[in-house]
Amino acid sequence: MRHPLTTPLLGLLLATSLMLPARSHAGDLNSSEASVLITSVLIVSIPLAASTGLSNVIKEPLQASARRHEAARRKPAQPLPDMEVKSIESRGNERCVELQVPGQPDQTASLRWPRAEGHDPASRFAVGQTVQFKETGKGSGWTVRDAQDQLLAYVPTEAAAADNLSSDW
């Protein structure tokens, strides 16, 4: 990663150059005037140089993070096979629905929700029921539906789940 020092150095050069015209036009400065002038230049130039340098140092990691986040957001939900509900359980502070692709015991999934009074999506499922995962129009996740096409739950993609607008308020 490069750390260009041109901007902080230019800021420092500008700040110190402000002292030169003041000295040439003012004549002899007493110690109080010189102290105020030097202090003023330092008060302006040091934070300016430091902040400009820091912004250049952190700009690249922030841009890289934004590119990764944007790439993850663009990956839409992919089709998933129908699954059979194997169990519905309470685990600690969660409600869990265990799913499996019929005839393929190695292909399983688990849907989990935090336990909340008056909000229990797991209660809409039944053991032995076959559910379908249908992609949402914008690709932000899947709607889980039963054989009668009744909505049972919404499952967001990883990127959509990480978005602060995906949580319950």
N, C-alpha and C. Protein backbone atom coordinates (compact mmCIF):
# COMPACT_ATOMS: atom_id res chain seq x y z
N MET A 1 0.84 -1.16 0.00
CA MET A 1 0.00 0.00 0.00
C MET A 1 0.90 1.23 0.00
N ARG A 2 0.58 2.21 -0.83
CA ARG A 2 1.35 3.45 -0.91
C ARG A 2 0.80 4.46 0.08
N HIS A 3 1.70 5.27 0.59
CA HIS A 3 1.31 6.36 1.47
C HIS A 3 1.84 7.65 0.86
N PRO A 4 1.09 8.30 -0.03
CA PRO A 4 1.61 9.52 -0.65
C PRO A 4 1.72 10.63 0.39
N LEU A 5 2.91 11.21 0.46
CA LEU A 5 3.15 12.28 1.42
C LEU A 5 3.02 13.65 0.78
N THR A 6 2.67 13.72 -0.48
CA THR A 6 2.62 15.01 -1.15
C THR A 6 1.60 15.94 -0.53
N THR A 7 0.43 15.46 -0.22
CA THR A 7 -0.61 16.34 0.32
C THR A 7 -0.24 16.86 1.71
N PRO A 8 0.22 16.00 2.65
CA PRO A 8 0.62 16.56 3.95
C PRO A 8 1.79 17.53 3.84
N LEU A 9 2.75 17.22 2.95
CA LEU A 9 3.89 18.11 2.80
C LEU A 9 3.49 19.43 2.19
N LEU A 10 2.56 19.40 1.24
CA LEU A 10 2.08 20.65 0.65
C LEU A 10 1.36 21.49 1.70
N GLY A 11 0.59 20.85 2.56
CA GLY A 11 -0.10 21.59 3.63
C GLY A 11 0.90 22.23 4.58
N LEU A 12 1.94 21.51 4.94
CA LEU A 12 2.97 22.04 5.82
C LEU A 12 3.74 23.16 5.15
N LEU A 13 4.04 23.00 3.86
CA LEU A 13 4.73 24.03 3.11
C LEU A 13 3.90 25.30 3.03
N LEU A 14 2.60 25.14 2.77
CA LEU A 14 1.71 26.29 2.71
C LEU A 14 1.66 27.02 4.04
N ALA A 15 1.54 26.25 5.11
CA ALA A 15 1.46 26.86 6.44
C ALA A 15 2.74 27.61 6.79
N THR A 16 3.89 27.03 6.47
CA THR A 16 5.15 27.71 6.80
C THR A 16 5.39 28.89 5.88
N SER A 17 4.88 28.82 4.66
CA SER A 17 5.06 29.95 3.75
C SER A 17 4.26 31.17 4.20
N LEU A 18 3.22 30.94 4.99
CA LEU A 18 2.46 32.07 5.51
C LEU A 18 3.29 32.92 6.47
N MET A 19 4.29 32.32 7.07
CA MET A 19 5.14 33.06 7.99
C MET A 19 6.07 34.00 7.26
N LEU A 20 6.54 33.60 6.09
CA LEU A 20 7.55 34.40 5.40
C LEU A 20 7.05 35.78 4.99
N PRO A 21 5.88 35.91 4.33
CA PRO A 21 5.44 37.26 3.97
C PRO A 21 5.18 38.12 5.21
N ALA A 22 4.70 37.53 6.28
CA ALA A 22 4.43 38.30 7.48
C ALA A 22 5.73 38.89 8.05
N ARG A 23 6.81 38.15 8.00
CA ARG A 23 8.08 38.63 8.52
C ARG A 23 8.66 39.73 7.64
N SER A 24 8.53 39.56 6.32
CA SER A 24 9.15 40.54 5.43
C SER A 24 8.40 41.86 5.45
N HIS A 25 7.11 41.85 5.70
CA HIS A 25 6.34 43.10 5.71
C HIS A 25 6.23 43.72 7.09
N ALA A 26 6.37 42.94 8.11
CA ALA A 26 6.14 43.47 9.44
C ALA A 26 7.38 44.12 10.03
N GLY A 27 8.50 43.87 9.48
CA GLY A 27 9.71 44.41 10.07
C GLY A 27 10.16 43.54 11.21
N ASP A 28 10.58 44.16 12.26
CA ASP A 28 11.02 43.40 13.43
C ASP A 28 9.82 43.01 14.27
N LEU A 29 9.70 41.72 14.54
CA LEU A 29 8.62 41.23 15.38
C LEU A 29 9.14 41.08 16.79
N ASN A 30 8.33 41.49 17.76
CA ASN A 30 8.75 41.22 19.13
C ASN A 30 8.47 39.76 19.44
N SER A 31 8.91 39.30 20.56
CA SER A 31 8.80 37.88 20.89
C SER A 31 7.35 37.42 21.03
N SER A 32 6.49 38.27 21.48
CA SER A 32 5.08 37.92 21.62
C SER A 32 4.42 37.72 20.26
N GLU A 33 4.70 38.63 19.33
CA GLU A 33 4.13 38.53 17.99
C GLU A 33 4.67 37.29 17.27
N ALA A 34 5.94 37.04 17.39
CA ALA A 34 6.55 35.87 16.75
C ALA A 34 5.98 34.59 17.34
N SER A 35 5.79 34.57 18.65
CA SER A 35 5.23 33.39 19.31
C SER A 35 3.81 33.11 18.83
N VAL A 36 2.99 34.16 18.73
CA VAL A 36 1.61 34.00 18.26
C VAL A 36 1.59 33.51 16.82
N LEU A 37 2.46 34.07 15.99
CA LEU A 37 2.50 33.68 14.59
C LEU A 37 2.93 32.22 14.43
N ILE A 38 3.98 31.84 15.11
CA ILE A 38 4.46 30.46 15.02
C ILE A 38 3.43 29.49 15.58
N THR A 39 2.83 29.83 16.71
CA THR A 39 1.81 28.96 17.31
C THR A 39 0.61 28.81 16.38
N SER A 40 0.20 29.91 15.76
CA SER A 40 -0.94 29.84 14.83
C SER A 40 -0.65 28.93 13.65
N VAL A 41 0.53 29.05 13.10
CA VAL A 41 0.91 28.21 11.97
C VAL A 41 0.94 26.74 12.39
N LEU A 42 1.51 26.46 13.54
CA LEU A 42 1.59 25.08 14.01
C LEU A 42 0.20 24.51 14.32
N ILE A 43 -0.66 25.33 14.90
CA ILE A 43 -2.00 24.87 15.24
C ILE A 43 -2.77 24.49 13.98
N VAL A 44 -2.54 25.21 12.90
CA VAL A 44 -3.24 24.92 11.65
C VAL A 44 -2.55 23.82 10.87
N SER A 45 -1.23 23.88 10.75
CA SER A 45 -0.54 22.98 9.83
C SER A 45 -0.40 21.55 10.34
N ILE A 46 -0.13 21.35 11.62
CA ILE A 46 0.08 19.98 12.12
C ILE A 46 -1.20 19.14 12.01
N PRO A 47 -2.35 19.61 12.50
CA PRO A 47 -3.56 18.80 12.32
C PRO A 47 -3.94 18.61 10.85
N LEU A 48 -3.72 19.67 10.04
CA LEU A 48 -4.03 19.55 8.62
C LEU A 48 -3.16 18.48 7.97
N ALA A 49 -1.87 18.52 8.24
CA ALA A 49 -0.97 17.52 7.67
C ALA A 49 -1.29 16.12 8.18
N ALA A 50 -1.58 16.01 9.48
CA ALA A 50 -1.88 14.70 10.06
C ALA A 50 -3.19 14.14 9.51
N SER A 51 -4.22 14.96 9.43
CA SER A 51 -5.50 14.45 8.95
C SER A 51 -5.44 14.10 7.48
N THR A 52 -4.72 14.88 6.71
CA THR A 52 -4.59 14.56 5.29
C THR A 52 -3.81 13.26 5.12
N GLY A 53 -2.76 13.10 5.90
CA GLY A 53 -1.99 11.87 5.83
C GLY A 53 -2.79 10.67 6.27
N LEU A 54 -3.56 10.81 7.35
CA LEU A 54 -4.37 9.70 7.83
C LEU A 54 -5.47 9.34 6.85
N SER A 55 -6.05 10.35 6.20
CA SER A 55 -7.11 10.03 5.24
C SER A 55 -6.55 9.24 4.07
N ASN A 56 -5.33 9.56 3.67
CA ASN A 56 -4.71 8.79 2.58
C ASN A 56 -4.37 7.38 3.03
N VAL A 57 -3.99 7.21 4.29
CA VAL A 57 -3.62 5.89 4.79
C VAL A 57 -4.84 4.98 4.88
N ILE A 58 -5.98 5.52 5.33
CA ILE A 58 -7.16 4.67 5.51
C ILE A 58 -8.06 4.59 4.29
N LYS A 59 -7.81 5.42 3.29
CA LYS A 59 -8.68 5.44 2.12
C LYS A 59 -8.66 4.11 1.36
N GLU A 60 -7.50 3.54 1.13
CA GLU A 60 -7.38 2.30 0.36
C GLU A 60 -8.09 1.11 1.02
N PRO A 61 -7.88 0.85 2.32
CA PRO A 61 -8.62 -0.26 2.94
C PRO A 61 -10.13 -0.06 2.91
N LEU A 62 -10.58 1.19 3.07
CA LEU A 62 -12.02 1.45 3.02
C LEU A 62 -12.58 1.20 1.63
N GLN A 63 -11.84 1.61 0.60
CA GLN A 63 -12.30 1.37 -0.76
C GLN A 63 -12.32 -0.12 -1.07
N ALA A 64 -11.32 -0.86 -0.62
CA ALA A 64 -11.29 -2.30 -0.84
C ALA A 64 -12.46 -2.98 -0.14
N SER A 65 -12.74 -2.55 1.08
CA SER A 65 -13.87 -3.11 1.82
C SER A 65 -15.18 -2.82 1.11
N ALA A 66 -15.33 -1.61 0.60
CA ALA A 66 -16.56 -1.24 -0.12
C ALA A 66 -16.71 -2.08 -1.39
N ARG A 67 -15.61 -2.34 -2.08
CA ARG A 67 -15.69 -3.18 -3.30
C ARG A 67 -16.12 -4.60 -2.95
N ARG A 68 -15.55 -5.18 -1.86
CA ARG A 68 -15.94 -6.53 -1.45
C ARG A 68 -17.41 -6.56 -1.04
N HIS A 69 -17.85 -5.56 -0.30
CA HIS A 69 -19.24 -5.51 0.16
C HIS A 69 -20.19 -5.40 -1.03
N GLU A 70 -19.85 -4.56 -1.99
CA GLU A 70 -20.70 -4.39 -3.16
C GLU A 70 -20.76 -5.66 -3.99
N ALA A 71 -19.64 -6.36 -4.12
CA ALA A 71 -19.62 -7.62 -4.86
C ALA A 71 -20.50 -8.66 -4.17
N ALA A 72 -20.45 -8.70 -2.85
CA ALA A 72 -21.28 -9.66 -2.10
C ALA A 72 -22.76 -9.33 -2.26
N ARG A 73 -23.09 -8.05 -2.28
CA ARG A 73 -24.49 -7.64 -2.39
C ARG A 73 -25.06 -8.00 -3.77
N ARG A 74 -24.21 -8.00 -4.79
CA ARG A 74 -24.70 -8.26 -6.14
C ARG A 74 -24.93 -9.74 -6.40
N LYS A 75 -24.44 -10.62 -5.54
CA LYS A 75 -24.62 -12.04 -5.75
C LYS A 75 -26.05 -12.42 -5.35
N PRO A 76 -26.92 -12.65 -6.31
CA PRO A 76 -28.32 -12.91 -5.97
C PRO A 76 -28.54 -14.33 -5.45
N ALA A 77 -29.70 -14.53 -4.85
CA ALA A 77 -30.08 -15.85 -4.35
C ALA A 77 -30.18 -16.83 -5.53
N GLN A 78 -29.64 -18.01 -5.35
CA GLN A 78 -29.67 -19.05 -6.37
C GLN A 78 -30.80 -20.04 -6.07
N PRO A 79 -31.29 -20.76 -7.09
CA PRO A 79 -32.35 -21.74 -6.84
C PRO A 79 -31.90 -22.82 -5.86
N LEU A 80 -32.81 -23.22 -4.99
CA LEU A 80 -32.55 -24.29 -4.03
C LEU A 80 -33.57 -25.40 -4.24
N PRO A 81 -33.21 -26.65 -3.94
CA PRO A 81 -34.16 -27.76 -4.12
C PRO A 81 -35.23 -27.74 -3.03
N ASP A 82 -36.32 -28.43 -3.31
CA ASP A 82 -37.35 -28.63 -2.28
C ASP A 82 -36.74 -29.43 -1.14
N MET A 83 -37.21 -29.15 0.08
CA MET A 83 -36.67 -29.85 1.25
C MET A 83 -37.81 -30.32 2.13
N GLU A 84 -37.50 -31.37 2.90
CA GLU A 84 -38.48 -31.93 3.83
C GLU A 84 -38.12 -31.51 5.25
N VAL A 85 -39.14 -31.14 6.04
CA VAL A 85 -38.93 -30.75 7.43
C VAL A 85 -38.69 -32.03 8.23
N LYS A 86 -37.53 -32.13 8.87
CA LYS A 86 -37.16 -33.30 9.66
C LYS A 86 -37.49 -33.12 11.14
N SER A 87 -37.29 -31.90 11.65
CA SER A 87 -37.60 -31.66 13.06
C SER A 87 -37.80 -30.17 13.31
N ILE A 88 -38.53 -29.89 14.38
CA ILE A 88 -38.74 -28.53 14.85
C ILE A 88 -38.39 -28.55 16.33
N GLU A 89 -37.41 -27.74 16.73
CA GLU A 89 -36.90 -27.82 18.10
C GLU A 89 -36.71 -26.43 18.70
N SER A 90 -36.62 -26.42 20.01
CA SER A 90 -36.21 -25.23 20.75
C SER A 90 -34.82 -25.52 21.29
N ARG A 91 -33.88 -24.64 20.99
CA ARG A 91 -32.50 -24.80 21.48
C ARG A 91 -32.09 -23.50 22.17
N GLY A 92 -32.04 -23.56 23.46
CA GLY A 92 -31.66 -22.37 24.20
C GLY A 92 -32.63 -21.23 23.92
N ASN A 93 -32.11 -20.19 23.36
CA ASN A 93 -32.92 -19.00 23.07
C ASN A 93 -33.34 -18.95 21.60
N GLU A 94 -33.34 -20.11 20.92
CA GLU A 94 -33.67 -20.17 19.50
C GLU A 94 -34.73 -21.21 19.21
N ARG A 95 -35.42 -21.00 18.09
CA ARG A 95 -36.32 -22.00 17.53
C ARG A 95 -35.66 -22.46 16.23
N CYS A 96 -35.59 -23.78 16.01
CA CYS A 96 -34.87 -24.34 14.87
C CYS A 96 -35.78 -25.26 14.06
N VAL A 97 -35.65 -25.17 12.74
CA VAL A 97 -36.32 -26.08 11.83
C VAL A 97 -35.22 -26.77 11.03
N GLU A 98 -35.11 -28.09 11.17
CA GLU A 98 -34.10 -28.86 10.46
C GLU A 98 -34.71 -29.40 9.17
N LEU A 99 -34.01 -29.18 8.05
CA LEU A 99 -34.50 -29.57 6.73
C LEU A 99 -33.52 -30.52 6.06
N GLN A 100 -34.05 -31.32 5.10
CA GLN A 100 -33.20 -32.24 4.34
C GLN A 100 -33.80 -32.41 2.95
N VAL A 101 -32.92 -32.50 1.94
CA VAL A 101 -33.38 -32.80 0.59
C VAL A 101 -33.83 -34.26 0.60
N PRO A 102 -35.06 -34.56 0.16
CA PRO A 102 -35.55 -35.95 0.21
C PRO A 102 -34.61 -36.91 -0.53
N GLY A 103 -34.27 -38.00 0.15
CA GLY A 103 -33.41 -39.03 -0.45
C GLY A 103 -31.93 -38.69 -0.44
N GLN A 104 -31.53 -37.55 0.10
CA GLN A 104 -30.13 -37.17 0.14
C GLN A 104 -29.78 -36.71 1.56
N PRO A 105 -29.42 -37.65 2.42
CA PRO A 105 -29.19 -37.32 3.84
C PRO A 105 -28.02 -36.37 4.07
N ASP A 106 -27.13 -36.22 3.09
CA ASP A 106 -25.99 -35.32 3.27
C ASP A 106 -26.32 -33.86 2.94
N GLN A 107 -27.49 -33.61 2.36
CA GLN A 107 -27.88 -32.24 2.01
C GLN A 107 -28.95 -31.76 2.99
N THR A 108 -28.47 -31.04 3.99
CA THR A 108 -29.36 -30.57 5.05
C THR A 108 -29.23 -29.05 5.20
N ALA A 109 -30.19 -28.49 5.88
CA ALA A 109 -30.17 -27.07 6.19
C ALA A 109 -30.86 -26.87 7.53
N SER A 110 -30.56 -25.77 8.16
CA SER A 110 -31.17 -25.44 9.44
C SER A 110 -31.63 -23.99 9.40
N LEU A 111 -32.90 -23.77 9.71
CA LEU A 111 -33.43 -22.41 9.82
C LEU A 111 -33.57 -22.11 11.31
N ARG A 112 -33.02 -20.96 11.74
CA ARG A 112 -33.07 -20.61 13.16
C ARG A 112 -33.58 -19.19 13.32
N TRP A 113 -34.40 -19.01 14.35
CA TRP A 113 -34.91 -17.69 14.70
C TRP A 113 -34.73 -17.48 16.19
N PRO A 114 -34.46 -16.26 16.61
CA PRO A 114 -34.42 -16.02 18.06
C PRO A 114 -35.83 -16.16 18.64
N ARG A 115 -35.89 -16.72 19.81
CA ARG A 115 -37.19 -16.89 20.46
C ARG A 115 -37.70 -15.51 20.87
N ALA A 116 -38.91 -15.19 20.42
CA ALA A 116 -39.54 -13.92 20.78
C ALA A 116 -41.03 -14.16 20.99
N GLU A 117 -41.55 -13.57 22.03
CA GLU A 117 -42.96 -13.75 22.34
C GLU A 117 -43.81 -13.15 21.23
N GLY A 118 -44.77 -13.94 20.73
CA GLY A 118 -45.66 -13.48 19.67
C GLY A 118 -45.06 -13.57 18.27
N HIS A 119 -43.83 -14.05 18.16
CA HIS A 119 -43.18 -14.16 16.84
C HIS A 119 -42.43 -15.49 16.79
N ASP A 120 -43.06 -16.50 16.16
CA ASP A 120 -42.46 -17.83 16.08
C ASP A 120 -42.67 -18.41 14.68
N PRO A 121 -41.81 -18.05 13.70
CA PRO A 121 -41.95 -18.59 12.35
C PRO A 121 -41.87 -20.11 12.31
N ALA A 122 -41.18 -20.74 13.27
CA ALA A 122 -41.04 -22.19 13.29
C ALA A 122 -42.40 -22.87 13.49
N SER A 123 -43.34 -22.20 14.11
CA SER A 123 -44.66 -22.80 14.35
C SER A 123 -45.46 -22.99 13.06
N ARG A 124 -45.04 -22.36 11.98
CA ARG A 124 -45.74 -22.51 10.69
C ARG A 124 -45.34 -23.79 9.96
N PHE A 125 -44.28 -24.43 10.42
CA PHE A 125 -43.78 -25.65 9.78
C PHE A 125 -44.35 -26.88 10.47
N ALA A 126 -44.36 -28.03 9.74
CA ALA A 126 -44.80 -29.31 10.31
C ALA A 126 -43.80 -30.39 9.89
N VAL A 127 -43.48 -31.28 10.81
CA VAL A 127 -42.55 -32.37 10.51
C VAL A 127 -43.14 -33.22 9.38
N GLY A 128 -42.30 -33.56 8.40
CA GLY A 128 -42.73 -34.34 7.25
C GLY A 128 -43.20 -33.49 6.07
N GLN A 129 -43.40 -32.22 6.30
CA GLN A 129 -43.86 -31.29 5.26
C GLN A 129 -42.72 -31.02 4.26
N THR A 130 -43.07 -30.91 2.97
CA THR A 130 -42.10 -30.52 1.95
C THR A 130 -42.26 -29.03 1.68
N VAL A 131 -41.13 -28.31 1.72
CA VAL A 131 -41.16 -26.87 1.50
C VAL A 131 -40.35 -26.51 0.27
N GLN A 132 -40.72 -25.40 -0.35
CA GLN A 132 -40.05 -24.91 -1.55
C GLN A 132 -39.38 -23.57 -1.23
N PHE A 133 -38.20 -23.38 -1.79
CA PHE A 133 -37.48 -22.11 -1.65
C PHE A 133 -37.60 -21.37 -2.98
N LYS A 134 -38.26 -20.22 -2.97
CA LYS A 134 -38.42 -19.42 -4.18
C LYS A 134 -37.64 -18.13 -4.02
N GLU A 135 -36.80 -17.82 -5.03
CA GLU A 135 -35.99 -16.61 -4.96
C GLU A 135 -36.90 -15.38 -4.97
N THR A 136 -36.49 -14.37 -4.23
CA THR A 136 -37.23 -13.11 -4.25
C THR A 136 -36.93 -12.39 -5.55
N GLY A 137 -37.76 -11.46 -5.91
CA GLY A 137 -37.59 -10.73 -7.17
C GLY A 137 -36.27 -10.01 -7.30
N LYS A 138 -35.77 -9.45 -6.22
CA LYS A 138 -34.50 -8.71 -6.26
C LYS A 138 -33.30 -9.59 -5.93
N GLY A 139 -33.53 -10.87 -5.61
CA GLY A 139 -32.43 -11.78 -5.32
C GLY A 139 -31.85 -11.63 -3.93
N SER A 140 -32.59 -11.00 -3.00
CA SER A 140 -32.06 -10.77 -1.65
C SER A 140 -32.29 -11.96 -0.74
N GLY A 141 -32.95 -13.00 -1.21
CA GLY A 141 -33.19 -14.18 -0.39
C GLY A 141 -34.23 -15.08 -1.01
N TRP A 142 -34.85 -15.90 -0.16
CA TRP A 142 -35.85 -16.86 -0.61
C TRP A 142 -37.09 -16.74 0.26
N THR A 143 -38.24 -16.97 -0.33
CA THR A 143 -39.44 -17.16 0.46
C THR A 143 -39.63 -18.66 0.57
N VAL A 144 -39.92 -19.14 1.76
CA VAL A 144 -40.15 -20.56 2.00
C VAL A 144 -41.65 -20.77 1.97
N ARG A 145 -42.09 -21.67 1.09
CA ARG A 145 -43.53 -21.89 0.90
C ARG A 145 -43.85 -23.37 1.02
N ASP A 146 -45.09 -23.65 1.44
CA ASP A 146 -45.52 -25.04 1.54
C ASP A 146 -46.12 -25.50 0.21
N ALA A 147 -46.65 -26.71 0.17
CA ALA A 147 -47.19 -27.29 -1.07
C ALA A 147 -48.38 -26.48 -1.60
N GLN A 148 -49.11 -25.78 -0.72
CA GLN A 148 -50.25 -24.96 -1.13
C GLN A 148 -49.81 -23.53 -1.46
N ASP A 149 -48.52 -23.29 -1.55
CA ASP A 149 -47.92 -22.00 -1.87
C ASP A 149 -48.18 -20.94 -0.79
N GLN A 150 -48.39 -21.38 0.44
CA GLN A 150 -48.56 -20.47 1.57
C GLN A 150 -47.17 -20.05 2.07
N LEU A 151 -47.01 -18.78 2.32
CA LEU A 151 -45.73 -18.27 2.81
C LEU A 151 -45.49 -18.74 4.25
N LEU A 152 -44.34 -19.37 4.47
CA LEU A 152 -43.97 -19.85 5.79
C LEU A 152 -42.91 -18.95 6.44
N ALA A 153 -41.96 -18.52 5.65
CA ALA A 153 -40.86 -17.71 6.19
C ALA A 153 -40.10 -17.04 5.05
N TYR A 154 -39.25 -16.11 5.43
CA TYR A 154 -38.32 -15.46 4.51
C TYR A 154 -36.92 -15.77 5.00
N VAL A 155 -36.04 -16.18 4.08
CA VAL A 155 -34.64 -16.47 4.41
C VAL A 155 -33.77 -15.55 3.57
N PRO A 156 -33.06 -14.61 4.21
CA PRO A 156 -32.21 -13.69 3.44
C PRO A 156 -30.89 -14.34 3.02
N THR A 157 -30.27 -13.79 1.97
CA THR A 157 -28.91 -14.20 1.62
C THR A 157 -27.98 -13.69 2.71
N GLU A 158 -26.73 -14.12 2.69
CA GLU A 158 -25.77 -13.70 3.71
C GLU A 158 -25.59 -12.18 3.69
N ALA A 159 -25.50 -11.61 2.49
CA ALA A 159 -25.31 -10.16 2.39
C ALA A 159 -26.54 -9.41 2.88
N ALA A 160 -27.73 -9.91 2.56
CA ALA A 160 -28.96 -9.25 3.02
C ALA A 160 -29.12 -9.37 4.52
N ALA A 161 -28.71 -10.50 5.09
CA ALA A 161 -28.82 -10.67 6.53
C ALA A 161 -27.86 -9.74 7.27
N ALA A 162 -26.73 -9.42 6.66
CA ALA A 162 -25.76 -8.52 7.29
C ALA A 162 -26.20 -7.07 7.22
N ASP A 163 -27.15 -6.75 6.37
CA ASP A 163 -27.65 -5.39 6.23
C ASP A 163 -28.47 -5.02 7.46
N ASN A 164 -28.26 -3.84 7.98
CA ASN A 164 -29.00 -3.46 9.19
C ASN A 164 -30.49 -3.28 8.95
N LEU A 165 -30.93 -3.22 7.72
CA LEU A 165 -32.37 -3.09 7.43
C LEU A 165 -33.08 -4.44 7.44
N SER A 166 -32.34 -5.54 7.62
CA SER A 166 -32.94 -6.87 7.63
C SER A 166 -33.43 -7.30 9.00
N SER A 167 -33.08 -6.56 10.02
CA SER A 167 -33.46 -7.02 11.37
C SER A 167 -34.86 -6.53 11.75
N ASP A 168 -35.42 -7.21 12.74
CA ASP A 168 -36.72 -6.80 13.27
C ASP A 168 -36.55 -5.56 14.10
N TRP A 169 -37.52 -4.64 14.04
CA TRP A 169 -37.45 -3.42 14.83
C TRP A 169 -38.52 -3.43 15.87
